[in-house]
Amino acid sequence: MKNQSSPALEQEFEHEPVPVTHRHSTGSVSAVWFGFPMILTNALFGGMITWHLGFWPALIAILLGNLVLFAYVGALSWLAGNTGMNFALQAKRTFGSKGYILVSGFLSTVVIGWYAFQTGLTGTVINQTFGWNALAVTAFAMVLYTGVTFLGVRALSVLGMIAAPLFVVLGVVALYFIGKDHDFSTITAFQGSASVAGAMSMGTAVTMVVAGFADSGTMTADFTRWSKNGRSAVVAAFSAFPVANVISYLFGVVIVAVGAAVDPLNNGGNFLPMLMGHSAILSTIACLFVFINLGSVCTHCLYNGAVGFSHLFSSKMRLWTLILGAIGGMLALAGVWSYFLEWLSLLGIVVPPFGAVMIVDLIFMAKFSEQRKAQRFRGSAFAAWAIGSLCAVIAHVEFPQFGEAVIGLVTAALSYSLIIKLRGKAPQPMMEKENA
């Protein structure tokens, strides 16, 4: 039942599927996902990809990456909408009642790393743009983002409704100022910078797009379990991948291709500098935009982590929001966040194999998984994940040009399918119990 004392603080259903009576509208759930990828970071990445590859190859890489994300996140969302289960409950069915602890704990920790990274980034961006004290801004951001997350998934929906339109409006304003000195008709002819030619392959660019939302995309059920059904959940996922994600990347693509970017190699298509120096009102809006925009990322990541840890410890989401919000905030204040990017990106290529195994197990092999007796630890699922992750890491080191994230997804899915089919001669429930 809902908390009758405050509609804003309704139950979050950390330990059970969301009842149909408590589901939200398609628009509300879509707003949660739509506002998530509409971030300045994506404009930065879009510009970097364009600087390396050129306009048309960059566009192809971005579209391919988003098609992979839609297929991946859409499948997991469909399952969430049909069952009402969050990520931890899904993982428990595939990896076992004890095995899921490793999976859920790992991903919940990774997303808190992203929360710390983006919270620290808030202080840095405001410092570099307005000259304010970075630590003070980071501390304020920590309290603000934790407070919004504490309100629950409805607050994330409202934030998304604000963040996405504001991103588009300010992006268009930036393009307006750019248009005064640059010719947009030349963007399709941009071939990339000769100084970085060959430094990034198409496969690497696709992986960059996929890895950007590999963690929260895998945990999409925490958001899309609120959908009325599977179809509604897929619509919500589609609003993010490809719609919102492509739009946010395109701003960066255009800014770099037209030649207006400031330090495109390191700063990509960041359009915040283009909004400065015009008027006090626009500068004030741009300041608010930083908090709203990066806050959208932080609150989503913190929500993922809080739901995950609340289930692991049989506790409440809001308690873990406060705990993890403080821990991530302290890491951001300590400056540790600046070291997170490389290892978080590396972990991004070993996370999708978890989701690939779950998709095969709970959707394509549903007739087996639904009849299977509950187990503590399913070795077959972990073996398939390990194979997929190993292939992804090898690809990352030896031939990243082929797209290590996609390789990890495909090999994990195929490995699990093969393992289960090879065991298929024995009765499924007994077989899994004896061999898991």
Protein backbone atom coordinates (compact mmCIF):
# COMPACT_ATOMS: atom_id res chain seq x y z
CA MET A 1 0.00 0.00 0.00
CA LYS A 2 1.08 3.59 -0.48
CA ASN A 3 2.25 5.76 2.35
CA GLN A 4 -0.95 7.70 2.95
CA SER A 5 0.81 10.46 4.90
CA SER A 6 2.71 11.65 1.85
CA PRO A 7 1.96 10.64 -1.75
CA ALA A 8 5.50 11.68 -2.68
CA LEU A 9 6.95 8.99 -0.44
CA GLU A 10 5.15 5.96 -1.75
CA GLN A 11 6.51 2.47 -1.26
CA GLU A 12 9.45 1.56 -3.46
CA PHE A 13 8.85 -2.23 -3.37
CA GLU A 14 12.49 -3.13 -2.82
CA HIS A 15 11.76 -6.81 -2.02
CA GLU A 16 8.78 -7.71 -4.18
CA PRO A 17 7.38 -7.04 -7.66
CA VAL A 18 5.51 -3.76 -8.05
CA PRO A 19 1.77 -4.53 -7.91
CA VAL A 20 -0.22 -3.60 -11.01
CA THR A 21 -2.26 -1.20 -8.88
CA HIS A 22 0.86 0.84 -8.14
CA ARG A 23 2.23 1.03 -11.69
CA HIS A 24 2.82 4.42 -13.35
CA SER A 25 1.80 5.76 -16.74
CA THR A 26 3.95 5.20 -19.82
CA GLY A 27 4.73 8.91 -19.93
CA SER A 28 5.87 8.97 -16.32
CA VAL A 29 8.21 5.99 -16.72
CA SER A 30 9.46 7.31 -20.07
CA ALA A 31 10.33 10.62 -18.40
CA VAL A 32 12.57 8.74 -15.98
CA TRP A 33 14.56 7.14 -18.80
CA PHE A 34 14.26 9.98 -21.35
CA GLY A 35 15.86 12.50 -19.02
CA PHE A 36 18.73 10.20 -18.03
CA PRO A 37 20.79 10.20 -21.28
CA MET A 38 20.02 13.85 -22.10
CA ILE A 39 23.26 14.98 -20.50
CA LEU A 40 26.19 17.23 -21.29
CA THR A 41 28.55 14.26 -21.02
CA ASN A 42 26.98 12.74 -24.14
CA ALA A 43 27.56 15.94 -26.12
CA LEU A 44 31.19 15.71 -25.03
CA PHE A 45 31.45 12.06 -26.18
CA GLY A 46 29.61 12.78 -29.44
CA GLY A 47 32.10 15.51 -30.23
CA MET A 48 35.09 13.33 -29.40
CA ILE A 49 33.86 10.55 -31.67
CA THR A 50 33.30 13.06 -34.47
CA TRP A 51 36.77 14.60 -33.98
CA HIS A 52 38.29 11.15 -34.48
CA LEU A 53 36.06 9.65 -37.18
CA GLY A 54 34.44 12.49 -39.09
CA PHE A 55 30.73 13.37 -39.42
CA TRP A 56 29.21 10.39 -41.25
CA PRO A 57 31.23 7.60 -39.57
CA ALA A 58 30.48 9.18 -36.19
CA LEU A 59 26.77 9.26 -36.98
CA ILE A 60 26.85 5.58 -37.99
CA ALA A 61 28.74 4.60 -34.81
CA ILE A 62 26.28 6.49 -32.61
CA LEU A 63 23.26 4.92 -34.31
CA LEU A 64 24.75 1.40 -34.13
CA GLY A 65 25.59 1.83 -30.45
CA ASN A 66 22.07 2.99 -29.72
CA LEU A 67 20.52 0.08 -31.61
CA VAL A 68 22.56 -2.28 -29.43
CA LEU A 69 21.43 -0.40 -26.31
CA PHE A 70 17.79 -0.50 -27.39
CA ALA A 71 17.86 -4.24 -28.05
CA TYR A 72 19.64 -4.86 -24.74
CA VAL A 73 17.81 -2.42 -22.45
CA GLY A 74 14.53 -2.97 -24.26
CA ALA A 75 14.62 -6.73 -23.64
CA LEU A 76 15.39 -6.31 -19.94
CA SER A 77 12.71 -3.60 -19.69
CA TRP A 78 10.11 -5.83 -21.35
CA LEU A 79 10.78 -8.45 -18.69
CA ALA A 80 10.57 -5.84 -15.93
CA GLY A 81 7.29 -4.43 -17.19
CA ASN A 82 5.71 -7.88 -17.44
CA THR A 83 6.86 -9.05 -14.01
CA GLY A 84 7.25 -5.86 -11.94
CA MET A 85 10.57 -7.23 -10.67
CA ASN A 86 13.56 -4.99 -9.99
CA PHE A 87 17.08 -5.93 -11.11
CA ALA A 88 17.94 -7.78 -7.90
CA LEU A 89 14.86 -9.99 -8.16
CA GLN A 90 15.65 -10.77 -11.81
CA ALA A 91 19.27 -11.58 -10.99
CA LYS A 92 18.16 -13.86 -8.16
CA ARG A 93 16.23 -16.05 -10.62
CA THR A 94 19.17 -16.36 -13.03
CA PHE A 95 22.20 -16.42 -10.72
CA GLY A 96 20.68 -18.00 -7.60
CA SER A 97 19.46 -16.83 -4.21
CA LYS A 98 23.05 -16.41 -3.00
CA GLY A 99 24.79 -15.97 -6.35
CA TYR A 100 22.80 -12.83 -7.14
CA ILE A 101 24.53 -11.11 -4.20
CA LEU A 102 27.74 -11.00 -6.24
CA VAL A 103 25.95 -9.64 -9.30
CA SER A 104 23.72 -7.09 -7.62
CA GLY A 105 26.43 -6.01 -5.18
CA PHE A 106 28.93 -5.53 -8.00
CA LEU A 107 26.64 -3.43 -10.21
CA SER A 108 25.25 -1.44 -7.27
CA THR A 109 28.81 -0.52 -6.32
CA VAL A 110 29.75 0.42 -9.89
CA VAL A 111 26.81 2.84 -10.25
CA ILE A 112 27.76 4.51 -6.96
CA GLY A 113 31.19 5.02 -8.52
CA TRP A 114 29.46 6.86 -11.35
CA TYR A 115 27.43 8.86 -8.81
CA ALA A 116 30.66 9.94 -7.09
CA PHE A 117 32.28 10.76 -10.43
CA GLN A 118 29.42 12.96 -11.64
CA THR A 119 29.03 14.67 -8.23
CA GLY A 120 32.72 15.59 -8.26
CA LEU A 121 32.39 16.68 -11.88
CA THR A 122 29.62 19.08 -10.86
CA GLY A 123 32.01 20.93 -8.57
CA THR A 124 34.73 21.00 -11.22
CA VAL A 125 32.48 22.26 -14.03
CA ILE A 126 31.02 25.04 -11.87
CA ASN A 127 34.52 25.97 -10.70
CA GLN A 128 35.93 26.14 -14.22
CA THR A 129 32.92 28.01 -15.60
CA PHE A 130 32.02 30.41 -12.79
CA GLY A 131 35.05 30.30 -10.49
CA TRP A 132 33.14 29.09 -7.44
CA ASN A 133 34.80 26.92 -4.79
CA ALA A 134 34.78 23.36 -6.15
CA LEU A 135 34.57 21.63 -2.75
CA ALA A 136 31.67 23.79 -1.57
CA VAL A 137 29.77 23.16 -4.79
CA THR A 138 30.46 19.40 -4.58
CA ALA A 139 29.18 19.29 -0.99
CA PHE A 140 26.03 21.18 -1.99
CA ALA A 141 25.53 18.86 -4.98
CA MET A 142 25.87 15.80 -2.73
CA VAL A 143 23.10 17.04 -0.42
CA LEU A 144 20.89 18.13 -3.34
CA TYR A 145 21.19 14.90 -5.33
CA THR A 146 20.72 12.72 -2.25
CA GLY A 147 17.61 14.68 -1.29
CA VAL A 148 16.00 14.30 -4.70
CA THR A 149 16.75 10.56 -4.81
CA PHE A 150 15.29 10.17 -1.31
CA LEU A 151 11.88 11.22 -2.67
CA GLY A 152 11.80 8.14 -4.91
CA VAL A 153 11.16 7.26 -8.53
CA ARG A 154 8.48 9.95 -9.01
CA ALA A 155 11.06 12.63 -8.25
CA LEU A 156 13.33 11.12 -10.93
CA SER A 157 10.43 11.37 -13.37
CA VAL A 158 9.87 15.05 -12.58
CA LEU A 159 13.60 15.76 -12.85
CA GLY A 160 13.65 14.07 -16.25
CA MET A 161 10.75 16.24 -17.42
CA ILE A 162 12.81 19.31 -16.56
CA ALA A 163 16.30 18.13 -17.54
CA ALA A 164 15.52 16.91 -21.07
CA PRO A 165 13.72 20.04 -22.40
CA LEU A 166 16.28 22.31 -20.72
CA PHE A 167 19.11 20.43 -22.41
CA VAL A 168 17.49 20.81 -25.84
CA VAL A 169 16.65 24.50 -25.33
CA LEU A 170 20.15 25.46 -24.18
CA GLY A 171 21.71 23.28 -26.88
CA VAL A 172 19.69 25.14 -29.52
CA VAL A 173 20.66 28.49 -27.96
CA ALA A 174 24.33 27.47 -28.16
CA LEU A 175 23.87 26.52 -31.83
CA TYR A 176 22.23 29.90 -32.44
CA PHE A 177 25.31 31.73 -31.17
CA ILE A 178 27.57 29.37 -33.12
CA GLY A 179 25.57 30.04 -36.29
CA LYS A 180 26.56 33.69 -36.23
CA ASP A 181 30.17 32.80 -37.05
CA HIS A 182 29.97 29.33 -38.62
CA ASP A 183 28.33 27.75 -41.66
CA PHE A 184 26.25 24.68 -40.71
CA SER A 185 26.06 23.56 -44.34
CA THR A 186 29.66 22.33 -44.05
CA ILE A 187 29.16 19.83 -41.23
CA THR A 188 28.57 16.77 -43.44
CA ALA A 189 31.92 17.34 -45.14
CA PHE A 190 33.90 17.13 -41.88
CA GLN A 191 36.37 14.24 -42.21
CA GLY A 192 37.80 14.26 -38.70
CA SER A 193 41.05 15.72 -37.47
CA ALA A 194 44.20 14.65 -39.32
CA SER A 195 46.12 14.82 -36.02
CA VAL A 196 44.12 11.91 -34.53
CA ALA A 197 43.45 9.91 -37.71
CA GLY A 198 43.26 6.20 -36.91
CA ALA A 199 43.32 6.75 -33.14
CA MET A 200 39.71 5.56 -32.76
CA SER A 201 38.02 2.80 -34.75
CA MET A 202 34.34 2.38 -35.53
CA GLY A 203 34.17 -0.52 -33.07
CA THR A 204 35.76 1.56 -30.30
CA ALA A 205 33.23 4.34 -30.92
CA VAL A 206 30.31 1.90 -30.77
CA THR A 207 31.69 0.50 -27.51
CA MET A 208 31.97 4.04 -26.10
CA VAL A 209 28.26 4.58 -26.81
CA VAL A 210 27.22 1.21 -25.33
CA ALA A 211 29.51 1.39 -22.29
CA GLY A 212 28.18 4.82 -21.37
CA PHE A 213 24.94 3.23 -20.14
CA ALA A 214 26.00 -0.39 -19.69
CA ASP A 215 25.63 -0.27 -15.90
CA SER A 216 22.31 1.51 -15.40
CA GLY A 217 21.05 -0.03 -18.65
CA THR A 218 21.60 -3.47 -17.16
CA MET A 219 19.73 -2.32 -14.04
CA THR A 220 16.88 -0.81 -16.09
CA ALA A 221 14.36 -2.96 -14.25
CA ASP A 222 14.72 -0.67 -11.22
CA PHE A 223 13.03 2.01 -13.36
CA THR A 224 10.88 0.12 -15.86
CA ARG A 225 9.31 -2.25 -13.28
CA TRP A 226 6.92 0.64 -12.67
CA SER A 227 5.51 0.32 -16.21
CA LYS A 228 1.98 -1.01 -16.63
CA ASN A 229 3.19 -3.83 -18.88
CA GLY A 230 6.08 -5.01 -21.03
CA ARG A 231 5.07 -2.95 -24.05
CA SER A 232 4.96 0.23 -21.97
CA ALA A 233 8.40 -0.58 -20.55
CA VAL A 234 9.86 -1.01 -24.05
CA VAL A 235 8.42 2.37 -25.06
CA ALA A 236 10.15 3.90 -22.03
CA ALA A 237 13.43 2.27 -23.04
CA PHE A 238 12.98 3.46 -26.64
CA SER A 239 12.54 7.04 -25.42
CA ALA A 240 16.07 6.81 -24.07
CA PHE A 241 17.72 4.57 -26.68
CA PRO A 242 17.82 5.73 -29.37
CA VAL A 243 15.75 8.93 -29.02
CA ALA A 244 17.21 10.91 -26.10
CA ASN A 245 20.67 9.40 -26.35
CA VAL A 246 21.03 10.19 -30.07
CA ILE A 247 19.76 13.75 -29.61
CA SER A 248 22.29 14.45 -26.86
CA TYR A 249 25.14 13.00 -28.93
CA LEU A 250 24.11 14.97 -32.03
CA PHE A 251 24.66 18.32 -30.35
CA GLY A 252 28.28 17.36 -29.80
CA VAL A 253 28.58 16.00 -33.33
CA VAL A 254 27.36 19.25 -34.91
CA ILE A 255 29.43 21.52 -32.68
CA VAL A 256 32.67 19.70 -33.53
CA ALA A 257 31.86 19.20 -37.23
CA VAL A 258 31.12 22.90 -37.71
CA GLY A 259 34.43 23.83 -36.09
CA ALA A 260 33.08 25.60 -33.00
CA ALA A 261 34.27 23.26 -30.24
CA VAL A 262 36.68 24.37 -27.53
CA ASP A 263 39.43 21.72 -27.26
CA PRO A 264 37.46 18.98 -29.09
CA LEU A 265 40.06 16.29 -28.37
CA ASN A 266 39.50 16.52 -24.61
CA ASN A 267 36.27 18.49 -24.27
CA GLY A 268 34.37 17.09 -27.25
CA GLY A 269 31.15 18.91 -28.07
CA ASN A 270 30.61 20.52 -24.66
CA PHE A 271 28.43 23.54 -25.43
CA LEU A 272 28.48 25.15 -21.97
CA PRO A 273 31.29 27.60 -22.94
CA MET A 274 29.12 28.89 -25.82
CA LEU A 275 26.49 30.05 -23.31
CA MET A 276 28.86 32.23 -21.32
CA GLY A 277 29.38 35.99 -21.69
CA HIS A 278 26.05 36.89 -23.28
CA SER A 279 23.85 37.95 -20.38
CA ALA A 280 23.52 37.49 -16.63
CA ILE A 281 20.18 35.72 -17.09
CA LEU A 282 21.60 33.16 -19.53
CA SER A 283 24.61 32.58 -17.27
CA THR A 284 22.28 31.97 -14.32
CA ILE A 285 20.20 29.50 -16.34
CA ALA A 286 23.41 27.78 -17.48
CA CYS A 287 24.48 27.42 -13.84
CA LEU A 288 21.15 25.82 -12.92
CA PHE A 289 21.47 23.64 -16.00
CA VAL A 290 24.72 22.09 -14.70
CA PHE A 291 23.05 21.02 -11.45
CA ILE A 292 19.88 19.76 -13.15
CA ASN A 293 21.74 18.02 -15.96
CA LEU A 294 24.43 16.25 -13.95
CA GLY A 295 21.91 15.79 -11.15
CA SER A 296 19.78 13.69 -13.49
CA VAL A 297 22.67 11.24 -13.88
CA CYS A 298 23.58 11.25 -10.19
CA THR A 299 20.06 10.64 -8.91
CA HIS A 300 19.46 7.77 -11.32
CA CYS A 301 22.75 6.09 -10.37
CA LEU A 302 22.14 6.63 -6.66
CA TYR A 303 18.62 5.20 -7.01
CA ASN A 304 20.01 2.09 -8.74
CA GLY A 305 22.55 1.59 -5.99
CA ALA A 306 20.08 2.23 -3.17
CA VAL A 307 17.51 -0.23 -4.54
CA GLY A 308 20.24 -2.84 -5.01
CA PHE A 309 21.75 -2.54 -1.54
CA SER A 310 18.35 -2.29 0.17
CA HIS A 311 17.45 -5.67 -1.30
CA LEU A 312 20.82 -7.17 -0.37
CA PHE A 313 20.44 -6.11 3.26
CA SER A 314 16.65 -6.52 3.52
CA SER A 315 16.40 -2.82 4.25
CA LYS A 316 14.79 0.30 2.79
CA MET A 317 15.76 2.20 -0.35
CA ARG A 318 15.63 5.57 1.40
CA LEU A 319 18.00 4.50 4.18
CA TRP A 320 20.55 3.34 1.61
CA THR A 321 20.05 6.53 -0.37
CA LEU A 322 21.34 8.46 2.64
CA ILE A 323 24.19 6.02 3.30
CA LEU A 324 25.40 5.73 -0.29
CA GLY A 325 24.77 9.40 -1.01
CA ALA A 326 27.11 10.28 1.86
CA ILE A 327 29.75 7.69 0.91
CA GLY A 328 29.78 8.71 -2.77
CA GLY A 329 29.79 12.37 -1.77
CA MET A 330 32.78 11.87 0.52
CA LEU A 331 34.66 10.16 -2.31
CA ALA A 332 33.83 13.11 -4.56
CA LEU A 333 35.01 15.60 -1.93
CA ALA A 334 38.23 13.64 -1.44
CA GLY A 335 38.98 14.00 -5.14
CA VAL A 336 39.05 10.25 -5.66
CA TRP A 337 36.38 10.59 -8.34
CA SER A 338 38.96 11.81 -10.85
CA TYR A 339 40.55 8.34 -10.85
CA PHE A 340 37.28 6.51 -11.47
CA LEU A 341 36.77 7.09 -15.19
CA GLU A 342 39.21 4.53 -16.58
CA TRP A 343 38.21 1.63 -14.35
CA LEU A 344 34.53 2.45 -14.56
CA SER A 345 34.81 2.40 -18.35
CA LEU A 346 36.68 -0.92 -18.19
CA LEU A 347 34.04 -2.41 -15.91
CA GLY A 348 31.48 -1.23 -18.45
CA ILE A 349 32.60 -3.93 -20.88
CA VAL A 350 32.21 -6.76 -18.35
CA VAL A 351 28.78 -5.67 -17.11
CA PRO A 352 26.66 -6.33 -20.26
CA PRO A 353 27.40 -10.10 -20.19
CA PHE A 354 25.38 -10.24 -16.95
CA GLY A 355 22.36 -8.82 -18.76
CA ALA A 356 22.93 -11.02 -21.80
CA VAL A 357 22.74 -14.16 -19.64
CA MET A 358 19.58 -12.87 -17.93
CA ILE A 359 17.90 -12.09 -21.27
CA VAL A 360 18.55 -15.59 -22.60
CA ASP A 361 17.56 -17.26 -19.33
CA LEU A 362 14.42 -15.29 -18.45
CA ILE A 363 13.05 -14.51 -21.92
CA PHE A 364 14.31 -16.91 -24.59
CA MET A 365 14.51 -19.90 -22.22
CA ALA A 366 11.59 -18.85 -20.03
CA LYS A 367 9.93 -22.29 -20.23
CA PHE A 368 13.01 -23.76 -18.52
CA SER A 369 13.71 -20.98 -16.02
CA GLU A 370 10.09 -20.79 -14.88
CA GLN A 371 10.02 -24.54 -14.09
CA ARG A 372 13.44 -24.60 -12.47
CA LYS A 373 13.68 -25.15 -8.74
CA ALA A 374 15.22 -22.37 -6.69
CA GLN A 375 18.99 -22.70 -6.24
CA ARG A 376 21.55 -20.92 -4.12
CA PHE A 377 24.21 -20.55 -6.81
CA ARG A 378 23.89 -21.22 -10.54
CA GLY A 379 27.31 -22.05 -11.90
CA SER A 380 26.05 -22.26 -15.48
CA ALA A 381 25.03 -18.59 -15.44
CA PHE A 382 28.32 -17.44 -13.94
CA ALA A 383 30.31 -19.59 -16.39
CA ALA A 384 28.58 -17.93 -19.35
CA TRP A 385 29.16 -14.48 -17.86
CA ALA A 386 32.85 -15.30 -17.31
CA ILE A 387 33.26 -16.44 -20.93
CA GLY A 388 31.57 -13.32 -22.25
CA SER A 389 33.60 -11.03 -19.98
CA LEU A 390 36.86 -12.77 -20.85
CA CYS A 391 36.16 -12.37 -24.56
CA ALA A 392 35.29 -8.70 -24.02
CA VAL A 393 38.52 -8.05 -22.10
CA ILE A 394 40.63 -9.89 -24.71
CA ALA A 395 38.94 -7.86 -27.45
CA HIS A 396 39.55 -4.66 -25.47
CA VAL A 397 43.28 -5.41 -25.27
CA GLU A 398 43.94 -7.08 -28.63
CA PHE A 399 41.38 -5.79 -31.16
CA PRO A 400 39.11 -3.04 -29.78
CA GLN A 401 38.34 -2.00 -33.35
CA PHE A 402 35.76 -4.81 -33.48
CA GLY A 403 33.71 -3.50 -30.54
CA GLU A 404 34.47 -5.29 -27.29
CA ALA A 405 31.12 -4.48 -25.65
CA VAL A 406 29.15 -6.18 -28.43
CA ILE A 407 31.56 -9.14 -28.43
CA GLY A 408 31.00 -9.60 -24.69
CA LEU A 409 27.22 -9.48 -25.11
CA VAL A 410 27.09 -11.97 -27.96
CA THR A 411 29.57 -14.48 -26.54
CA ALA A 412 27.87 -14.50 -23.13
CA ALA A 413 24.46 -15.12 -24.70
CA LEU A 414 25.77 -17.86 -27.00
CA SER A 415 27.76 -19.48 -24.20
CA TYR A 416 24.77 -19.67 -21.90
CA SER A 417 22.56 -21.04 -24.67
CA LEU A 418 25.15 -23.71 -25.48
CA ILE A 419 25.70 -24.69 -21.84
CA ILE A 420 21.98 -25.11 -21.21
CA LYS A 421 21.39 -27.02 -24.45
CA LEU A 422 24.29 -29.39 -23.72
CA ARG A 423 22.69 -30.13 -20.37
CA GLY A 424 19.24 -30.35 -21.88
CA LYS A 425 19.12 -34.14 -21.96
CA ALA A 426 18.58 -34.27 -18.21
CA PRO A 427 15.36 -33.03 -16.58
CA GLN A 428 15.96 -29.28 -16.19
CA PRO A 429 15.13 -28.74 -12.49
CA MET A 430 17.17 -31.72 -11.25
CA MET A 431 19.99 -31.05 -13.67
CA GLU A 432 20.43 -27.46 -12.52
CA LYS A 433 20.20 -28.43 -8.87
CA GLU A 434 22.90 -31.05 -9.23
CA ASN A 435 25.28 -29.06 -11.44
CA ALA A 436 24.80 -25.46 -10.38
